[in-house]
C-alpha atoms as a PDB file:
ATOM      1  CA  MET A   1     190.955-103.791 -85.165  1.00  0.00           C
ATOM      2  CA  LEU A   2     190.539 -99.999 -84.501  1.00  0.00           C
ATOM      3  CA  SER A   3     188.437 -97.729 -85.856  1.00  0.00           C
ATOM      4  CA  VAL A   4     189.931 -94.574 -86.182  1.00  0.00           C
ATOM      5  CA  SER A   5     187.255 -91.263 -87.626  1.00  0.00           C
ATOM      6  CA  VAL A   6     190.006 -88.928 -89.602  1.00  0.00           C
ATOM      7  CA  PRO A   7     189.305 -86.073 -91.479  1.00  0.00           C
ATOM      8  CA  ARG A   8     191.187 -86.618 -95.000  1.00  0.00           C
ATOM      9  CA  LEU A   9     193.699 -83.648 -95.291  1.00  0.00           C
ATOM     10  CA  ALA A  10     193.928 -81.395 -97.882  1.00  0.00           C
ATOM     11  CA  ALA A  11     197.051 -78.522 -99.051  1.00  0.00           C
ATOM     12  CA  ASN A  12     193.984 -76.784-100.108  1.00  0.00           C
ATOM     13  CA  ASP A  13     192.578 -76.583 -96.952  1.00  0.00           C
ATOM     14  CA  PRO A  14     194.502 -74.202 -94.502  1.00  0.00           C
ATOM     15  CA  ALA A  15     191.812 -73.737 -92.142  1.00  0.00           C
ATOM     16  CA  GLY A  16     191.014 -77.316 -90.984  1.00  0.00           C
ATOM     17  CA  GLN A  17     187.557 -77.564 -93.484  1.00  0.00           C
ATOM     18  CA  GLY A  18     186.808 -74.681 -90.871  1.00  0.00           C
ATOM     19  CA  ARG A  19     187.809 -75.935 -87.348  1.00  0.00           C
ATOM     20  CA  ARG A  20     189.448 -74.318 -85.289  1.00  0.00           C
ATOM     21  CA  SER A  21     193.061 -72.878 -87.181  1.00  0.00           C
ATOM     22  CA  LEU A  22     195.911 -73.864 -85.335  1.00  0.00           C
ATOM     23  CA  GLY A  23     197.234 -70.018 -85.614  1.00  0.00           C
ATOM     24  CA  PRO A  24     198.553 -67.714 -88.028  1.00  0.00           C
ATOM     25  CA  GLY A  25     201.147 -68.343 -91.229  1.00  0.00           C
ATOM     26  CA  PRO A  26     201.628 -70.925 -93.769  1.00  0.00           C
ATOM     27  CA  ALA A  27     203.152 -73.379 -91.032  1.00  0.00           C
ATOM     28  CA  ALA A  28     199.256 -74.284 -89.223  1.00  0.00           C
ATOM     29  CA  PRO A  29     198.553 -76.861 -91.656  1.00  0.00           C
ATOM     30  CA  ALA A  30     202.172 -78.547 -91.656  1.00  0.00           C
ATOM     31  CA  ARG A  31     201.450 -78.130 -87.921  1.00  0.00           C
ATOM     32  CA  ARG A  32     197.971 -79.922 -88.107  1.00  0.00           C
ATOM     33  CA  ARG A  33     199.645 -82.593 -90.436  1.00  0.00           C
ATOM     34  CA  SER A  34     202.643 -83.111 -87.496  1.00  0.00           C
ATOM     35  CA  ARG A  35     199.977 -83.000 -84.932  1.00  0.00           C
ATOM     36  CA  VAL A  36     197.302 -85.642 -86.230  1.00  0.00           C
ATOM     37  CA  ALA A  37     200.093 -87.993 -87.499  1.00  0.00           C
ATOM     38  CA  VAL A  38     201.890 -88.535 -83.986  1.00  0.00           C
ATOM     39  CA  TYR A  39     198.626 -88.777 -82.670  1.00  0.00           C
ATOM     40  CA  LEU A  40     197.226 -91.962 -84.795  1.00  0.00           C
ATOM     41  CA  ALA A  41     201.108 -93.223 -84.555  1.00  0.00           C
ATOM     42  CA  ASP A  42     202.002 -93.114 -81.324  1.00  0.00           C
ATOM     43  CA  VAL A  43     198.692 -92.859 -79.551  1.00  0.00           C
ATOM     44  CA  ALA A  44     196.428 -94.495 -81.399  1.00  0.00           C
ATOM     45  CA  GLY A  45     198.942 -97.148 -82.657  1.00  0.00           C
ATOM     46  CA  LEU A  46     198.888 -97.527 -86.322  1.00  0.00           C
ATOM     47  CA  ARG A  47     200.854 -97.902 -88.763  1.00  0.00           C
ATOM     48  CA  TYR A  48     202.508 -95.790 -91.632  1.00  0.00           C
ATOM     49  CA  ARG A  49     200.262 -97.235 -93.903  1.00  0.00           C
ATOM     50  CA  GLU A  50     197.414 -96.934 -92.552  1.00  0.00           C
ATOM     51  CA  ILE A  51     197.586 -93.144 -91.035  1.00  0.00           C
ATOM     52  CA  SER A  52     198.069 -92.723 -94.597  1.00  0.00           C
ATOM     53  CA  ASP A  53     195.084 -94.532 -96.157  1.00  0.00           C
ATOM     54  CA  LEU A  54     193.487 -92.216 -93.575  1.00  0.00           C
ATOM     55  CA  THR A  55     195.001 -89.050 -93.721  1.00  0.00           C
ATOM     56  CA  GLY A  56     195.995 -89.090 -98.076  1.00  0.00           C
ATOM     57  CA  ILE A  57     199.308 -88.183 -96.400  1.00  0.00           C
ATOM     58  CA  PRO A  58     202.329 -90.163 -98.259  1.00  0.00           C
ATOM     59  CA  VAL A  59     203.993 -92.387 -96.946  1.00  0.00           C
ATOM     60  CA  GLY A  60     207.541 -90.696 -97.527  1.00  0.00           C
ATOM     61  CA  THR A  61     205.896 -86.817 -96.595  1.00  0.00           C
ATOM     62  CA  LEU A  62     203.763 -88.945 -93.152  1.00  0.00           C
ATOM     63  CA  LYS A  63     207.387 -90.010 -92.217  1.00  0.00           C
ATOM     64  CA  SER A  64     208.395 -86.348 -92.332  1.00  0.00           C
ATOM     65  CA  CYS A  65     205.583 -85.399 -90.491  1.00  0.00           C
ATOM     66  CA  LEU A  66     205.639 -87.593 -87.809  1.00  0.00           C
ATOM     67  CA  HIS A  67     209.940 -86.073 -87.401  1.00  0.00           C
ATOM     68  CA  ARG A  68     208.735 -82.832 -86.801  1.00  0.00           C
ATOM     69  CA  GLY A  69     205.915 -83.622 -85.170  1.00  0.00           C
ATOM     70  CA  ARG A  70     207.820 -85.403 -82.533  1.00  0.00           C
ATOM     71  CA  GLY A  71     209.900 -82.856 -82.813  1.00  0.00           C
ATOM     72  CA  ARG A  72     208.258 -80.019 -80.747  1.00  0.00           C
ATOM     73  CA  LEU A  73     206.294 -82.646 -78.794  1.00  0.00           C
ATOM     74  CA  ARG A  74     209.812 -83.391 -77.419  1.00  0.00           C
ATOM     75  CA  GLY A  75     210.468 -79.358 -76.762  1.00  0.00           C
ATOM     76  CA  ALA A  76     207.739 -78.540 -75.849  1.00  0.00           C
ATOM     77  CA  LEU A  77     207.653 -81.602 -72.706  1.00  0.00           C
ATOM     78  CA  THR A  78     211.332 -80.931 -71.779  1.00  0.00           C
ATOM     79  CA  ALA A  79     210.144 -76.201 -72.141  1.00  0.00           C
ATOM     80  CA  GLY A  80     209.347 -76.679 -69.011  1.00  0.00           C
ATOM     81  CA  PRO A  81     206.226 -74.070 -67.862  1.00  0.00           C
ATOM     82  CA  PRO A  82     205.732 -71.235 -69.469  1.00  0.00           C
ATOM     83  CA  ALA A  83     207.339 -68.243 -67.253  1.00  0.00           C
ATOM     84  CA  ARG A  84     204.610 -65.813 -65.473  1.00  0.00           C
ATOM     85  CA  ALA A  85     204.424 -61.910 -65.779  1.00  0.00           C
ATOM     86  CA  ALA A  86     205.634 -60.140 -63.261  1.00  0.00           C
ATOM     87  CA  ARG A  87     203.470 -58.757 -60.867  1.00  0.00           C
END
């Protein structure tokens, strides 16, 4: 059995329990949830119920987070390298 230590994600904790913020705005906690969900599902190989138990995210919300997170990851991977500023 894989042992993973994940902090509980709370809606009332926009800065991630004092950790580095993902950026300004109200979407930062959602991006963090999506990133954690994608990592646990696709890298660690956990099932929806296991991720839900670890993070406290309901399974339905977790599936939405995975969909959004995978879409962002796909976009980032297919966008290519960022353009360089002209000198």
